[in-house]
Amino acid sequence: MKIDVALAEKLRAAKESIVEQIGRIIVGQDHVIEELLITLFSSGHCLLVGVPGLAKTLLISSLSEILDLKFSRIQFTPDLMPSDITGSEILQEDRSTRERVFRFVPGPVFANLILADEINRTPPKTQAALLQSMQEYGVTYGGETRKLPLPFFVMATQNPIEQEGTYPLPEAQLDRFFLQINISYPSSDEEKRIVVETTGTGDVKLKKVLSAQDVIELQQVVRKVPVPESIVNRAVALVRSTRAQESESPDFIKKWVSWGAGPRASQSLILGAKARALLQGRLAVSDEDVCAIAKPILRHRIVLNFQAEAEGVSVDQIVEKLLKLNGPN
């Protein structure tokens, strides 16, 4: 497959325009914006984790304004039902024949850009309603599968502080998120800017940058980016080294990790590295691209054991150690 240079340049230019527009609303969070765009152009979904007040929802809603896509927000609550997400059938009477028939009414998941706000606030039955949508881009109801509009992009938020009354996402569902993006507090200067710019009377209007067809076209370009065999080998070796069951895994993995990442992590590393390379204006993947996205790719796919938690070891620390061990030759 030969990459279209003109489309690659279009993707880089689109990134600059999107970042410029988001910068009119969001202060800082450069790495978060980049990782969001990597997820979008890799045809993936992302999980944003951060304490309240860090503009997670504002960031996603701003992105929906910049992209000419149908946007839908789902506020996850303990009483939310699966049909509240996917849609349901209603009994309707035909006025001419007086015949009663069931008609499917699509739920909010039938959109291009889905904000699943506080996804861990709803029970597993409702969380699972998103599984088929995220993996197969369709919803099955009443024995019939209805396709979702493309592109389809789920951005879920999660508050890491409050655990009471929440339902942790199962590993099977976590694995369907392309990246887990951790959002941290702003710096002192950034916080001052936030206060000044959000306590005035200004009303910022955002410009549309890409259409749905543009996004689909650029997602296809990402898949055509060439990757050297040495980088593929490194990505696979990195993922396999997270599994305590593998004989070649380092001792600290056997000590701290219960379950490592699966093959989907290897796929995501390569696809995400392709997207990052294009977003930075390069037509081939480098080792730096794999290293840059290793943490958001792996942090939700590695299950630590009790000893790691007791010693205060984080997944990010483990990934850092693995990157040093699996460095370029």
C-alpha atoms as a PDB file:
ATOM      1  CA  MET A   1       0.000   0.000   0.000  1.00  0.00           C
ATOM      2  CA  LYS A   2       1.293   3.426  -0.979  1.00  0.00           C
ATOM      3  CA  ILE A   3       0.507   6.379   1.230  1.00  0.00           C
ATOM      4  CA  ASP A   4      -1.120   9.452  -0.341  1.00  0.00           C
ATOM      5  CA  VAL A   5       1.225  12.333   0.503  1.00  0.00           C
ATOM      6  CA  ALA A   6      -1.486  14.942  -0.099  1.00  0.00           C
ATOM      7  CA  LEU A   7      -3.846  13.241   2.358  1.00  0.00           C
ATOM      8  CA  ALA A   8      -1.015  12.865   4.883  1.00  0.00           C
ATOM      9  CA  GLU A   9      -0.420  16.611   4.659  1.00  0.00           C
ATOM     10  CA  LYS A  10      -4.167  17.197   5.011  1.00  0.00           C
ATOM     11  CA  LEU A  11      -4.123  15.223   8.275  1.00  0.00           C
ATOM     12  CA  ARG A  12      -1.189  17.229   9.645  1.00  0.00           C
ATOM     13  CA  ALA A  13      -2.874  20.517   8.683  1.00  0.00           C
ATOM     14  CA  ALA A  14      -6.159  19.358  10.197  1.00  0.00           C
ATOM     15  CA  LYS A  15      -4.385  18.585  13.461  1.00  0.00           C
ATOM     16  CA  GLU A  16      -2.963  22.110  13.598  1.00  0.00           C
ATOM     17  CA  SER A  17      -6.395  23.625  12.929  1.00  0.00           C
ATOM     18  CA  ILE A  18      -8.087  21.426  15.563  1.00  0.00           C
ATOM     19  CA  VAL A  19      -5.430  22.233  18.171  1.00  0.00           C
ATOM     20  CA  GLU A  20      -5.769  25.945  17.383  1.00  0.00           C
ATOM     21  CA  GLN A  21      -9.552  25.851  17.789  1.00  0.00           C
ATOM     22  CA  ILE A  22      -9.441  23.800  21.018  1.00  0.00           C
ATOM     23  CA  GLY A  23      -6.811  26.213  22.372  1.00  0.00           C
ATOM     24  CA  ARG A  24      -9.424  28.965  22.255  1.00  0.00           C
ATOM     25  CA  ILE A  25     -11.455  27.053  24.853  1.00  0.00           C
ATOM     26  CA  ILE A  26      -9.026  24.754  26.697  1.00  0.00           C
ATOM     27  CA  VAL A  27      -5.849  25.974  28.414  1.00  0.00           C
ATOM     28  CA  GLY A  28      -2.907  23.549  28.326  1.00  0.00           C
ATOM     29  CA  GLN A  29      -3.524  19.762  28.227  1.00  0.00           C
ATOM     30  CA  ASP A  30      -1.447  19.450  25.043  1.00  0.00           C
ATOM     31  CA  HIS A  31      -0.693  15.741  25.524  1.00  0.00           C
ATOM     32  CA  VAL A  32      -4.377  15.023  26.192  1.00  0.00           C
ATOM     33  CA  ILE A  33      -5.430  16.718  22.954  1.00  0.00           C
ATOM     34  CA  GLU A  34      -2.764  14.835  20.980  1.00  0.00           C
ATOM     35  CA  GLU A  35      -3.833  11.490  22.444  1.00  0.00           C
ATOM     36  CA  LEU A  36      -7.486  12.261  21.685  1.00  0.00           C
ATOM     37  CA  LEU A  37      -6.584  12.899  18.046  1.00  0.00           C
ATOM     38  CA  ILE A  38      -4.462   9.747  17.890  1.00  0.00           C
ATOM     39  CA  THR A  39      -7.485   7.784  19.099  1.00  0.00           C
ATOM     40  CA  LEU A  40      -9.855   9.468  16.655  1.00  0.00           C
ATOM     41  CA  PHE A  41      -7.709   8.873  13.568  1.00  0.00           C
ATOM     42  CA  SER A  42      -6.903   5.313  14.694  1.00  0.00           C
ATOM     43  CA  SER A  43     -10.663   4.520  14.684  1.00  0.00           C
ATOM     44  CA  GLY A  44     -10.528   3.805  18.421  1.00  0.00           C
ATOM     45  CA  HIS A  45     -12.261   4.832  21.638  1.00  0.00           C
ATOM     46  CA  CYS A  46     -10.741   6.483  24.688  1.00  0.00           C
ATOM     47  CA  LEU A  47     -11.242   6.591  28.442  1.00  0.00           C
ATOM     48  CA  LEU A  48     -10.468   9.915  30.127  1.00  0.00           C
ATOM     49  CA  VAL A  49      -9.618   9.632  33.821  1.00  0.00           C
ATOM     50  CA  GLY A  50      -9.291  12.694  36.027  1.00  0.00           C
ATOM     51  CA  VAL A  51     -10.667  14.432  39.084  1.00  0.00           C
ATOM     52  CA  PRO A  52     -13.684  16.762  38.702  1.00  0.00           C
ATOM     53  CA  GLY A  53     -13.121  20.231  37.291  1.00  0.00           C
ATOM     54  CA  LEU A  54     -10.374  19.441  34.767  1.00  0.00           C
ATOM     55  CA  ALA A  55     -12.557  20.229  31.729  1.00  0.00           C
ATOM     56  CA  LYS A  56     -12.929  16.633  30.523  1.00  0.00           C
ATOM     57  CA  THR A  57     -16.503  17.192  29.366  1.00  0.00           C
ATOM     58  CA  LEU A  58     -15.730  20.638  27.945  1.00  0.00           C
ATOM     59  CA  LEU A  59     -12.817  19.226  25.946  1.00  0.00           C
ATOM     60  CA  ILE A  60     -14.965  16.529  24.358  1.00  0.00           C
ATOM     61  CA  SER A  61     -17.901  18.819  23.620  1.00  0.00           C
ATOM     62  CA  SER A  62     -15.498  21.360  22.073  1.00  0.00           C
ATOM     63  CA  LEU A  63     -14.042  18.653  19.826  1.00  0.00           C
ATOM     64  CA  SER A  64     -17.569  17.791  18.706  1.00  0.00           C
ATOM     65  CA  GLU A  65     -18.128  21.419  17.672  1.00  0.00           C
ATOM     66  CA  ILE A  66     -14.891  21.510  15.680  1.00  0.00           C
ATOM     67  CA  LEU A  67     -15.681  18.273  13.841  1.00  0.00           C
ATOM     68  CA  ASP A  68     -18.839  18.352  11.731  1.00  0.00           C
ATOM     69  CA  LEU A  69     -20.163  15.185  13.365  1.00  0.00           C
ATOM     70  CA  LYS A  70     -23.382  14.235  15.113  1.00  0.00           C
ATOM     71  CA  PHE A  71     -22.718  14.501  18.861  1.00  0.00           C
ATOM     72  CA  SER A  72     -24.516  12.731  21.688  1.00  0.00           C
ATOM     73  CA  ARG A  73     -23.943  12.921  25.430  1.00  0.00           C
ATOM     74  CA  ILE A  74     -24.995  10.104  27.754  1.00  0.00           C
ATOM     75  CA  GLN A  75     -24.909  10.861  31.475  1.00  0.00           C
ATOM     76  CA  PHE A  76     -24.403   7.492  33.167  1.00  0.00           C
ATOM     77  CA  THR A  77     -26.400   7.085  36.387  1.00  0.00           C
ATOM     78  CA  PRO A  78     -27.276   4.088  38.618  1.00  0.00           C
ATOM     79  CA  ASP A  79     -30.816   3.908  37.193  1.00  0.00           C
ATOM     80  CA  LEU A  80     -29.820   4.042  33.509  1.00  0.00           C
ATOM     81  CA  MET A  81     -31.118   1.070  31.479  1.00  0.00           C
ATOM     82  CA  PRO A  82     -29.519  -0.502  28.359  1.00  0.00           C
ATOM     83  CA  SER A  83     -32.447   0.622  26.198  1.00  0.00           C
ATOM     84  CA  ASP A  84     -31.776   4.213  27.313  1.00  0.00           C
ATOM     85  CA  ILE A  85     -28.528   3.925  25.346  1.00  0.00           C
ATOM     86  CA  THR A  86     -29.310   1.653  22.419  1.00  0.00           C
ATOM     87  CA  GLY A  87     -32.945   2.594  21.834  1.00  0.00           C
ATOM     88  CA  SER A  88     -36.150   0.540  22.002  1.00  0.00           C
ATOM     89  CA  GLU A  89     -39.289  -0.406  20.109  1.00  0.00           C
ATOM     90  CA  ILE A  90     -42.591   1.392  20.590  1.00  0.00           C
ATOM     91  CA  LEU A  91     -46.046   0.268  19.548  1.00  0.00           C
ATOM     92  CA  GLN A  92     -47.400   2.572  16.873  1.00  0.00           C
ATOM     93  CA  GLU A  93     -50.706   2.602  15.045  1.00  0.00           C
ATOM     94  CA  ASP A  94     -50.885   3.136  11.287  1.00  0.00           C
ATOM     95  CA  ARG A  95     -53.558   5.835  10.809  1.00  0.00           C
ATOM     96  CA  SER A  96     -54.658   4.586   7.398  1.00  0.00           C
ATOM     97  CA  THR A  97     -54.885   0.833   8.126  1.00  0.00           C
ATOM     98  CA  ARG A  98     -55.368   1.046  11.918  1.00  0.00           C
ATOM     99  CA  GLU A  99     -52.762  -1.697  12.141  1.00  0.00           C
ATOM    100  CA  ARG A 100     -50.470  -1.664  15.130  1.00  0.00           C
ATOM    101  CA  VAL A 101     -46.760  -2.250  14.480  1.00  0.00           C
ATOM    102  CA  PHE A 102     -43.570  -1.955  16.468  1.00  0.00           C
ATOM    103  CA  ARG A 103     -41.185   0.805  15.397  1.00  0.00           C
ATOM    104  CA  PHE A 104     -37.578   1.046  16.587  1.00  0.00           C
ATOM    105  CA  VAL A 105     -36.624   4.409  18.086  1.00  0.00           C
ATOM    106  CA  PRO A 106     -32.813   4.836  18.003  1.00  0.00           C
ATOM    107  CA  GLY A 107     -31.106   5.761  21.261  1.00  0.00           C
ATOM    108  CA  PRO A 108     -28.330   8.320  21.790  1.00  0.00           C
ATOM    109  CA  VAL A 109     -25.665   5.783  20.745  1.00  0.00           C
ATOM    110  CA  PHE A 110     -26.722   6.406  17.119  1.00  0.00           C
ATOM    111  CA  ALA A 111     -24.327   9.317  16.649  1.00  0.00           C
ATOM    112  CA  ASN A 112     -20.753   9.826  15.452  1.00  0.00           C
ATOM    113  CA  LEU A 113     -19.261  11.189  18.655  1.00  0.00           C
ATOM    114  CA  ILE A 114     -20.459   9.770  21.979  1.00  0.00           C
ATOM    115  CA  LEU A 115     -19.619  11.293  25.348  1.00  0.00           C
ATOM    116  CA  ALA A 116     -20.161   8.577  27.967  1.00  0.00           C
ATOM    117  CA  ASP A 117     -19.967  10.775  31.051  1.00  0.00           C
ATOM    118  CA  GLU A 118     -18.956   9.030  34.320  1.00  0.00           C
ATOM    119  CA  ILE A 119     -19.288   5.586  32.794  1.00  0.00           C
ATOM    120  CA  ASN A 120     -18.460   3.844  36.082  1.00  0.00           C
ATOM    121  CA  ARG A 121     -21.617   5.258  37.720  1.00  0.00           C
ATOM    122  CA  THR A 122     -23.952   2.799  35.992  1.00  0.00           C
ATOM    123  CA  PRO A 123     -24.375  -0.972  36.645  1.00  0.00           C
ATOM    124  CA  PRO A 124     -22.561  -3.577  34.495  1.00  0.00           C
ATOM    125  CA  LYS A 125     -25.750  -4.459  32.580  1.00  0.00           C
ATOM    126  CA  THR A 126     -25.906  -0.940  31.178  1.00  0.00           C
ATOM    127  CA  GLN A 127     -22.151  -0.632  30.714  1.00  0.00           C
ATOM    128  CA  ALA A 128     -22.316  -3.772  28.576  1.00  0.00           C
ATOM    129  CA  ALA A 129     -24.795  -2.077  26.248  1.00  0.00           C
ATOM    130  CA  LEU A 130     -21.844  -0.184  24.802  1.00  0.00           C
ATOM    131  CA  LEU A 131     -19.735  -3.301  24.169  1.00  0.00           C
ATOM    132  CA  GLN A 132     -21.251  -4.308  20.821  1.00  0.00           C
ATOM    133  CA  SER A 133     -21.369  -0.687  19.688  1.00  0.00           C
ATOM    134  CA  MET A 134     -17.687  -0.115  20.435  1.00  0.00           C
ATOM    135  CA  GLN A 135     -16.455  -3.345  18.867  1.00  0.00           C
ATOM    136  CA  GLU A 136     -18.853  -4.048  15.992  1.00  0.00           C
ATOM    137  CA  TYR A 137     -20.310  -0.587  15.273  1.00  0.00           C
ATOM    138  CA  GLY A 138     -23.823  -1.932  15.497  1.00  0.00           C
ATOM    139  CA  VAL A 139     -26.766  -2.470  17.860  1.00  0.00           C
ATOM    140  CA  THR A 140     -28.829  -5.667  17.946  1.00  0.00           C
ATOM    141  CA  TYR A 141     -32.404  -5.285  19.147  1.00  0.00           C
ATOM    142  CA  GLY A 142     -35.295  -7.667  18.535  1.00  0.00           C
ATOM    143  CA  GLY A 143     -33.086  -9.984  16.491  1.00  0.00           C
ATOM    144  CA  GLU A 144     -32.098  -7.275  14.011  1.00  0.00           C
ATOM    145  CA  THR A 145     -28.677  -5.612  13.886  1.00  0.00           C
ATOM    146  CA  ARG A 146     -28.666  -1.924  13.017  1.00  0.00           C
ATOM    147  CA  LYS A 147     -25.416  -0.314  11.905  1.00  0.00           C
ATOM    148  CA  LEU A 148     -24.153   2.826  13.602  1.00  0.00           C
ATOM    149  CA  PRO A 149     -23.137   5.897  11.588  1.00  0.00           C
ATOM    150  CA  LEU A 150     -19.434   6.149  10.740  1.00  0.00           C
ATOM    151  CA  PRO A 151     -17.115   7.418  12.018  1.00  0.00           C
ATOM    152  CA  PHE A 152     -18.082   6.184  15.474  1.00  0.00           C
ATOM    153  CA  PHE A 153     -16.045   7.392  18.423  1.00  0.00           C
ATOM    154  CA  VAL A 154     -16.772   6.801  22.147  1.00  0.00           C
ATOM    155  CA  MET A 155     -15.094   9.033  24.704  1.00  0.00           C
ATOM    156  CA  ALA A 156     -15.852   7.938  28.254  1.00  0.00           C
ATOM    157  CA  THR A 157     -14.963   9.869  31.401  1.00  0.00           C
ATOM    158  CA  GLN A 158     -14.253   8.427  34.823  1.00  0.00           C
ATOM    159  CA  ASN A 159     -13.627  10.009  38.226  1.00  0.00           C
ATOM    160  CA  PRO A 160     -10.796   8.157  40.042  1.00  0.00           C
ATOM    161  CA  ILE A 161     -11.542   9.591  43.493  1.00  0.00           C
ATOM    162  CA  GLU A 162     -15.004   8.401  44.490  1.00  0.00           C
ATOM    163  CA  GLN A 163     -15.397   4.624  44.599  1.00  0.00           C
ATOM    164  CA  GLU A 164     -18.572   4.375  46.670  1.00  0.00           C
ATOM    165  CA  GLY A 165     -21.614   3.751  44.487  1.00  0.00           C
ATOM    166  CA  THR A 166     -19.520   3.066  41.387  1.00  0.00           C
ATOM    167  CA  TYR A 167     -19.105  -0.035  39.237  1.00  0.00           C
ATOM    168  CA  PRO A 168     -15.537  -0.617  37.972  1.00  0.00           C
ATOM    169  CA  LEU A 169     -15.407  -1.478  34.292  1.00  0.00           C
ATOM    170  CA  PRO A 170     -14.598  -5.171  33.643  1.00  0.00           C
ATOM    171  CA  GLU A 171     -11.314  -5.968  31.886  1.00  0.00           C
ATOM    172  CA  ALA A 172     -13.174  -7.097  28.736  1.00  0.00           C
ATOM    173  CA  GLN A 173     -14.673  -3.645  28.347  1.00  0.00           C
ATOM    174  CA  LEU A 174     -11.515  -1.765  29.349  1.00  0.00           C
ATOM    175  CA  ASP A 175      -9.638  -3.609  26.616  1.00  0.00           C
ATOM    176  CA  ARG A 176     -11.983  -2.125  24.016  1.00  0.00           C
ATOM    177  CA  PHE A 177     -10.742   1.366  24.847  1.00  0.00           C
ATOM    178  CA  PHE A 178      -7.838   2.227  22.584  1.00  0.00           C
ATOM    179  CA  LEU A 179      -6.236   4.600  25.105  1.00  0.00           C
ATOM    180  CA  GLN A 180      -6.687   5.497  28.748  1.00  0.00           C
ATOM    181  CA  ILE A 181      -5.835   9.184  28.961  1.00  0.00           C
ATOM    182  CA  ASN A 182      -5.001  10.475  32.449  1.00  0.00           C
ATOM    183  CA  ILE A 183      -5.686  14.180  32.960  1.00  0.00           C
ATOM    184  CA  SER A 184      -3.648  15.947  35.643  1.00  0.00           C
ATOM    185  CA  TYR A 185      -3.939  19.339  37.338  1.00  0.00           C
ATOM    186  CA  PRO A 186      -2.838  22.404  35.329  1.00  0.00           C
ATOM    187  CA  SER A 187       0.345  24.300  36.151  1.00  0.00           C
ATOM    188  CA  SER A 188       0.196  27.542  38.152  1.00  0.00           C
ATOM    189  CA  ASP A 189       0.434  29.734  35.033  1.00  0.00           C
ATOM    190  CA  GLU A 190      -2.189  27.655  33.213  1.00  0.00           C
ATOM    191  CA  GLU A 191      -4.562  27.892  36.161  1.00  0.00           C
ATOM    192  CA  LYS A 192      -4.201  31.677  36.206  1.00  0.00           C
ATOM    193  CA  ARG A 193      -5.095  31.779  32.509  1.00  0.00           C
ATOM    194  CA  ILE A 194      -8.088  29.542  33.133  1.00  0.00           C
ATOM    195  CA  VAL A 195      -9.386  31.871  35.847  1.00  0.00           C
ATOM    196  CA  VAL A 196      -8.881  35.023  33.760  1.00  0.00           C
ATOM    197  CA  GLU A 197     -10.341  33.622  30.527  1.00  0.00           C
ATOM    198  CA  THR A 198     -13.381  31.908  32.031  1.00  0.00           C
ATOM    199  CA  THR A 199     -14.617  34.619  34.387  1.00  0.00           C
ATOM    200  CA  GLY A 200     -15.226  37.279  31.746  1.00  0.00           C
ATOM    201  CA  THR A 201     -18.005  37.890  29.249  1.00  0.00           C
ATOM    202  CA  GLY A 202     -16.348  36.535  26.100  1.00  0.00           C
ATOM    203  CA  ASP A 203     -18.210  34.005  23.969  1.00  0.00           C
ATOM    204  CA  VAL A 204     -15.937  31.892  21.761  1.00  0.00           C
ATOM    205  CA  LYS A 205     -17.295  30.519  18.492  1.00  0.00           C
ATOM    206  CA  LEU A 206     -15.474  27.474  17.137  1.00  0.00           C
ATOM    207  CA  LYS A 207     -15.035  26.745  13.425  1.00  0.00           C
ATOM    208  CA  LYS A 208     -15.777  23.412  11.765  1.00  0.00           C
ATOM    209  CA  VAL A 209     -12.577  21.745  10.549  1.00  0.00           C
ATOM    210  CA  LEU A 210     -13.434  18.255   9.255  1.00  0.00           C
ATOM    211  CA  SER A 211     -16.579  16.503   8.027  1.00  0.00           C
ATOM    212  CA  ALA A 212     -17.515  12.885   8.720  1.00  0.00           C
ATOM    213  CA  GLN A 213     -16.266  11.837   5.272  1.00  0.00           C
ATOM    214  CA  ASP A 214     -12.962  13.655   5.871  1.00  0.00           C
ATOM    215  CA  VAL A 215     -12.429  11.773   9.148  1.00  0.00           C
ATOM    216  CA  ILE A 216     -13.132   8.388   7.491  1.00  0.00           C
ATOM    217  CA  GLU A 217     -10.742   9.238   4.647  1.00  0.00           C
ATOM    218  CA  LEU A 218      -7.950  10.212   7.052  1.00  0.00           C
ATOM    219  CA  GLN A 219      -8.505   7.113   9.176  1.00  0.00           C
ATOM    220  CA  GLN A 220      -7.779   5.029   6.063  1.00  0.00           C
ATOM    221  CA  VAL A 221      -4.590   7.006   5.397  1.00  0.00           C
ATOM    222  CA  VAL A 222      -3.298   6.159   8.894  1.00  0.00           C
ATOM    223  CA  ARG A 223      -3.478   2.430   8.151  1.00  0.00           C
ATOM    224  CA  LYS A 224      -1.237   2.851   5.086  1.00  0.00           C
ATOM    225  CA  VAL A 225       1.721   4.259   7.025  1.00  0.00           C
ATOM    226  CA  PRO A 226       4.722   1.879   6.719  1.00  0.00           C
ATOM    227  CA  VAL A 227       6.204   0.351   9.864  1.00  0.00           C
ATOM    228  CA  PRO A 228       9.705  -1.217   9.956  1.00  0.00           C
ATOM    229  CA  GLU A 229       9.796  -4.842  11.065  1.00  0.00           C
ATOM    230  CA  SER A 230      12.129  -3.908  13.919  1.00  0.00           C
ATOM    231  CA  ILE A 231       9.466  -1.623  15.416  1.00  0.00           C
ATOM    232  CA  VAL A 232       6.762  -4.271  15.039  1.00  0.00           C
ATOM    233  CA  ASN A 233       9.065  -6.719  16.841  1.00  0.00           C
ATOM    234  CA  ARG A 234       9.647  -4.236  19.633  1.00  0.00           C
ATOM    235  CA  ALA A 235       5.938  -3.509  20.095  1.00  0.00           C
ATOM    236  CA  VAL A 236       5.101  -7.218  20.287  1.00  0.00           C
ATOM    237  CA  ALA A 237       8.010  -7.890  22.661  1.00  0.00           C
ATOM    238  CA  LEU A 238       6.903  -5.018  24.905  1.00  0.00           C
ATOM    239  CA  VAL A 239       3.352  -6.351  25.171  1.00  0.00           C
ATOM    240  CA  ARG A 240       4.431  -9.952  25.709  1.00  0.00           C
ATOM    241  CA  SER A 241       6.794  -8.867  28.481  1.00  0.00           C
ATOM    242  CA  THR A 242       3.788  -7.604  30.503  1.00  0.00           C
ATOM    243  CA  ARG A 243       2.559 -11.189  30.993  1.00  0.00           C
ATOM    244  CA  ALA A 244       3.774 -12.907  34.136  1.00  0.00           C
ATOM    245  CA  GLN A 245       3.041 -16.283  32.520  1.00  0.00           C
ATOM    246  CA  GLU A 246       5.703 -15.768  29.824  1.00  0.00           C
ATOM    247  CA  SER A 247       9.091 -17.314  30.633  1.00  0.00           C
ATOM    248  CA  GLU A 248      10.965 -14.312  29.165  1.00  0.00           C
ATOM    249  CA  SER A 249       9.119 -11.779  31.349  1.00  0.00           C
ATOM    250  CA  PRO A 250      11.349  -9.893  33.809  1.00  0.00           C
ATOM    251  CA  ASP A 251      11.239 -10.729  37.499  1.00  0.00           C
ATOM    252  CA  PHE A 252       9.434  -7.527  38.499  1.00  0.00           C
ATOM    253  CA  ILE A 253       6.527  -8.503  36.211  1.00  0.00           C
ATOM    254  CA  LYS A 254       6.210 -11.887  37.907  1.00  0.00           C
ATOM    255  CA  LYS A 255       6.357 -10.083  41.250  1.00  0.00           C
ATOM    256  CA  TRP A 256       3.798  -7.325  40.612  1.00  0.00           C
ATOM    257  CA  VAL A 257       1.491  -8.322  37.718  1.00  0.00           C
ATOM    258  CA  SER A 258      -1.459 -10.737  37.792  1.00  0.00           C
ATOM    259  CA  TRP A 259      -2.474 -10.384  34.137  1.00  0.00           C
ATOM    260  CA  GLY A 260      -0.724  -8.683  31.269  1.00  0.00           C
ATOM    261  CA  ALA A 261      -1.945  -7.074  28.062  1.00  0.00           C
ATOM    262  CA  GLY A 262      -3.406  -9.127  25.212  1.00  0.00           C
ATOM    263  CA  PRO A 263      -2.793  -9.031  21.445  1.00  0.00           C
ATOM    264  CA  ARG A 264      -5.148  -6.050  21.058  1.00  0.00           C
ATOM    265  CA  ALA A 265      -2.494  -3.990  22.857  1.00  0.00           C
ATOM    266  CA  SER A 266       0.102  -4.907  20.209  1.00  0.00           C
ATOM    267  CA  GLN A 267      -2.314  -3.907  17.459  1.00  0.00           C
ATOM    268  CA  SER A 268      -3.082  -0.634  19.227  1.00  0.00           C
ATOM    269  CA  LEU A 269       0.601   0.198  19.721  1.00  0.00           C
ATOM    270  CA  ILE A 270       1.319  -0.060  16.008  1.00  0.00           C
ATOM    271  CA  LEU A 271      -1.863   1.678  14.865  1.00  0.00           C
ATOM    272  CA  GLY A 272      -1.436   4.480  17.409  1.00  0.00           C
ATOM    273  CA  ALA A 273       2.210   4.900  16.412  1.00  0.00           C
ATOM    274  CA  LYS A 274       1.115   5.274  12.775  1.00  0.00           C
ATOM    275  CA  ALA A 275      -1.389   7.993  13.703  1.00  0.00           C
ATOM    276  CA  ARG A 276       1.142   9.842  15.852  1.00  0.00           C
ATOM    277  CA  ALA A 277       3.734   9.811  13.079  1.00  0.00           C
ATOM    278  CA  LEU A 278       1.306  11.363  10.582  1.00  0.00           C
ATOM    279  CA  LEU A 279       0.042  13.929  13.088  1.00  0.00           C
ATOM    280  CA  GLN A 280       3.635  15.057  13.539  1.00  0.00           C
ATOM    281  CA  GLY A 281       4.224  15.311   9.806  1.00  0.00           C
ATOM    282  CA  ARG A 282       6.216  12.088   9.281  1.00  0.00           C
ATOM    283  CA  LEU A 283       5.432   9.384   6.729  1.00  0.00           C
ATOM    284  CA  ALA A 284       6.992   6.488   8.644  1.00  0.00           C
ATOM    285  CA  VAL A 285       6.801   5.230  12.223  1.00  0.00           C
ATOM    286  CA  SER A 286       9.770   5.707  14.544  1.00  0.00           C
ATOM    287  CA  ASP A 287      10.684   4.056  17.824  1.00  0.00           C
ATOM    288  CA  GLU A 288       9.778   7.323  19.569  1.00  0.00           C
ATOM    289  CA  ASP A 289       6.138   6.932  18.480  1.00  0.00           C
ATOM    290  CA  VAL A 290       5.820   3.528  20.181  1.00  0.00           C
ATOM    291  CA  CYS A 291       7.422   4.839  23.383  1.00  0.00           C
ATOM    292  CA  ALA A 292       5.197   7.937  23.439  1.00  0.00           C
ATOM    293  CA  ILE A 293       1.925   5.999  23.439  1.00  0.00           C
ATOM    294  CA  ALA A 294       3.008   2.926  25.437  1.00  0.00           C
ATOM    295  CA  LYS A 295       1.602   4.203  28.748  1.00  0.00           C
ATOM    296  CA  PRO A 296      -1.902   5.198  27.552  1.00  0.00           C
ATOM    297  CA  ILE A 297      -2.094   1.959  25.546  1.00  0.00           C
ATOM    298  CA  LEU A 298      -1.054  -0.337  28.406  1.00  0.00           C
ATOM    299  CA  ARG A 299      -2.140   1.345  31.655  1.00  0.00           C
ATOM    300  CA  HIS A 300      -5.701  -0.043  31.532  1.00  0.00           C
ATOM    301  CA  ARG A 301      -4.678  -3.453  30.180  1.00  0.00           C
ATOM    302  CA  ILE A 302      -2.299  -4.549  32.959  1.00  0.00           C
ATOM    303  CA  VAL A 303      -3.794  -5.930  36.186  1.00  0.00           C
ATOM    304  CA  LEU A 304      -1.557  -5.473  39.228  1.00  0.00           C
ATOM    305  CA  ASN A 305      -1.550  -7.894  42.145  1.00  0.00           C
ATOM    306  CA  PHE A 306      -1.876  -7.143  45.842  1.00  0.00           C
ATOM    307  CA  GLN A 307       1.884  -6.903  46.363  1.00  0.00           C
ATOM    308  CA  ALA A 308       2.201  -4.128  43.782  1.00  0.00           C
ATOM    309  CA  GLU A 309      -0.634  -2.196  45.382  1.00  0.00           C
ATOM    310  CA  ALA A 310       0.873  -2.682  48.853  1.00  0.00           C
ATOM    311  CA  GLU A 311       4.232  -1.349  47.624  1.00  0.00           C
ATOM    312  CA  GLY A 312       2.604   1.603  45.843  1.00  0.00           C
ATOM    313  CA  VAL A 313       3.746   0.512  42.387  1.00  0.00           C
ATOM    314  CA  SER A 314       1.768   1.977  39.477  1.00  0.00           C
ATOM    315  CA  VAL A 315       1.248   0.591  35.976  1.00  0.00           C
ATOM    316  CA  ASP A 316       3.001   3.631  34.503  1.00  0.00           C
ATOM    317  CA  GLN A 317       6.111   2.856  36.570  1.00  0.00           C
ATOM    318  CA  ILE A 318       6.073  -0.739  35.318  1.00  0.00           C
ATOM    319  CA  VAL A 319       5.744   0.408  31.701  1.00  0.00           C
ATOM    320  CA  GLU A 320       8.708   2.770  32.164  1.00  0.00           C
ATOM    321  CA  LYS A 321      10.846  -0.110  33.406  1.00  0.00           C
ATOM    322  CA  LEU A 322       9.749  -2.271  30.482  1.00  0.00           C
ATOM    323  CA  LEU A 323      10.579   0.471  27.959  1.00  0.00           C
ATOM    324  CA  LYS A 324      14.104   0.682  29.359  1.00  0.00           C
ATOM    325  CA  LEU A 325      14.520  -3.098  29.112  1.00  0.00           C
ATOM    326  CA  ASN A 326      13.058  -3.228  25.595  1.00  0.00           C
ATOM    327  CA  GLY A 327      14.967  -0.237  24.282  1.00  0.00           C
ATOM    328  CA  PRO A 328      16.073   0.066  20.640  1.00  0.00           C
ATOM    329  CA  ASN A 329      19.050  -2.025  19.689  1.00  0.00           C
END
